[in-house]
Amino acid sequence: MGDVAIIFKIMPKSPDVDMEALKAAIKEKIPSTQDMVIEPIGFGLSCLKIALVVPDGEGTTEEAEATLNGLEDVGTAEIVSLTLL
C-alpha cells in the first residue's frame, strides 16, 4: 500500500473566523498537512484548501474528514480531490 493525497475544501462557520488561527489548529490536529491556501469566495467569505498525505487504507480519509469537521471554527470540510501516490 502507498499513500493518498487528499485536497479538502474547508468552509469556516462565519466570515469572522480568523483563518490564520484555523490554519494553526488544523496543523496541530493533523501534522501531515502539506499545504494550506486561503481562497476568497466573495462577500468577505473565504475558504481554506488544504492538502494532506495519509496512508492508503480503509477509513483514513473518513478519519481526516471527521477530525476537520470536529474543529470549532469549521463549518464544513469536504474532499475535493483524492489521488493515489
Protein backbone atom coordinates (compact mmCIF):
# COMPACT_ATOMS: atom_id res chain seq x y z
CA MET A 1 0.00 0.00 0.00
CA GLY A 2 1.08 3.57 -0.68
CA ASP A 3 -0.06 6.99 0.36
CA VAL A 4 -3.04 9.07 -0.70
CA ALA A 5 -3.01 12.83 -1.35
CA ILE A 6 -6.28 14.47 -0.36
CA ILE A 7 -7.41 18.03 -1.10
CA PHE A 8 -10.03 19.35 1.31
CA LYS A 9 -12.16 22.46 0.94
CA ILE A 10 -12.89 23.85 4.38
CA MET A 11 -15.62 26.42 4.92
CA PRO A 12 -15.47 28.37 8.18
CA LYS A 13 -18.55 28.77 10.36
CA SER A 14 -18.66 32.50 9.63
CA PRO A 15 -16.76 35.22 7.73
CA ASP A 16 -15.42 36.41 11.11
CA VAL A 17 -13.28 33.28 11.68
CA ASP A 18 -9.56 34.05 11.93
CA MET A 19 -8.21 31.96 9.05
CA GLU A 20 -4.62 32.03 10.35
CA ALA A 21 -5.79 30.63 13.70
CA LEU A 22 -7.79 27.99 11.83
CA LYS A 23 -4.69 27.03 9.84
CA ALA A 24 -2.74 26.65 13.09
CA ALA A 25 -5.49 24.49 14.63
CA ILE A 26 -5.53 22.23 11.57
CA LYS A 27 -1.75 21.86 11.58
CA GLU A 28 -1.89 20.95 15.29
CA LYS A 29 -4.60 18.29 14.82
CA ILE A 30 -3.27 16.88 11.53
CA PRO A 31 0.53 17.21 11.36
CA SER A 32 0.63 15.52 7.93
CA THR A 33 -0.87 18.67 6.37
CA GLN A 34 1.31 19.55 3.40
CA ASP A 35 -0.12 22.85 2.12
CA MET A 36 -2.80 25.39 3.03
CA VAL A 37 -4.20 28.15 0.81
CA ILE A 38 -6.86 30.72 1.66
CA GLU A 39 -9.17 31.29 -1.32
CA PRO A 40 -11.60 34.21 -1.38
CA ILE A 41 -15.14 33.23 -2.37
CA GLY A 42 -17.00 36.54 -2.21
CA PHE A 43 -18.81 38.93 0.08
CA GLY A 44 -15.97 38.73 2.61
CA LEU A 45 -16.08 34.94 2.87
CA SER A 46 -13.03 32.78 2.22
CA CYS A 47 -12.44 29.05 2.24
CA LEU A 48 -9.32 27.14 3.08
CA LYS A 49 -7.96 24.47 0.76
CA ILE A 50 -5.53 22.05 2.33
CA ALA A 51 -3.51 19.11 1.07
CA LEU A 52 -2.94 16.07 3.26
CA VAL A 53 -0.93 12.93 2.67
CA VAL A 54 -2.24 9.91 4.57
CA PRO A 55 -1.55 6.19 4.32
CA ASP A 56 -3.77 4.34 1.87
CA GLY A 57 -6.07 2.24 3.98
CA GLU A 58 -9.66 1.73 4.91
CA GLY A 59 -11.10 4.65 6.86
CA THR A 60 -8.13 7.03 6.69
CA THR A 61 -9.90 9.62 4.53
CA GLU A 62 -13.04 9.48 6.67
CA GLU A 63 -10.95 9.88 9.80
CA ALA A 64 -9.25 13.00 8.43
CA GLU A 65 -12.61 14.43 7.34
CA ALA A 66 -14.16 13.77 10.76
CA THR A 67 -11.19 15.42 12.51
CA LEU A 68 -11.52 18.54 10.35
CA ASN A 69 -15.30 18.72 10.80
CA GLY A 70 -14.78 18.42 14.57
CA LEU A 71 -12.75 21.62 14.79
CA GLU A 72 -14.54 24.52 16.47
CA ASP A 73 -14.41 27.09 13.64
CA VAL A 74 -15.05 24.66 10.77
CA GLY A 75 -18.49 24.81 9.19
CA THR A 76 -17.86 22.05 6.67
CA ALA A 77 -14.89 20.11 5.36
CA GLU A 78 -15.26 18.12 2.17
CA ILE A 79 -12.93 16.16 -0.06
CA VAL A 80 -12.39 17.90 -3.39
CA SER A 81 -9.71 15.60 -4.81
CA LEU A 82 -8.12 12.28 -3.92
CA THR A 83 -5.02 10.89 -5.64
CA LEU A 84 -3.07 7.68 -5.03
CA LEU A 85 0.64 8.42 -4.76
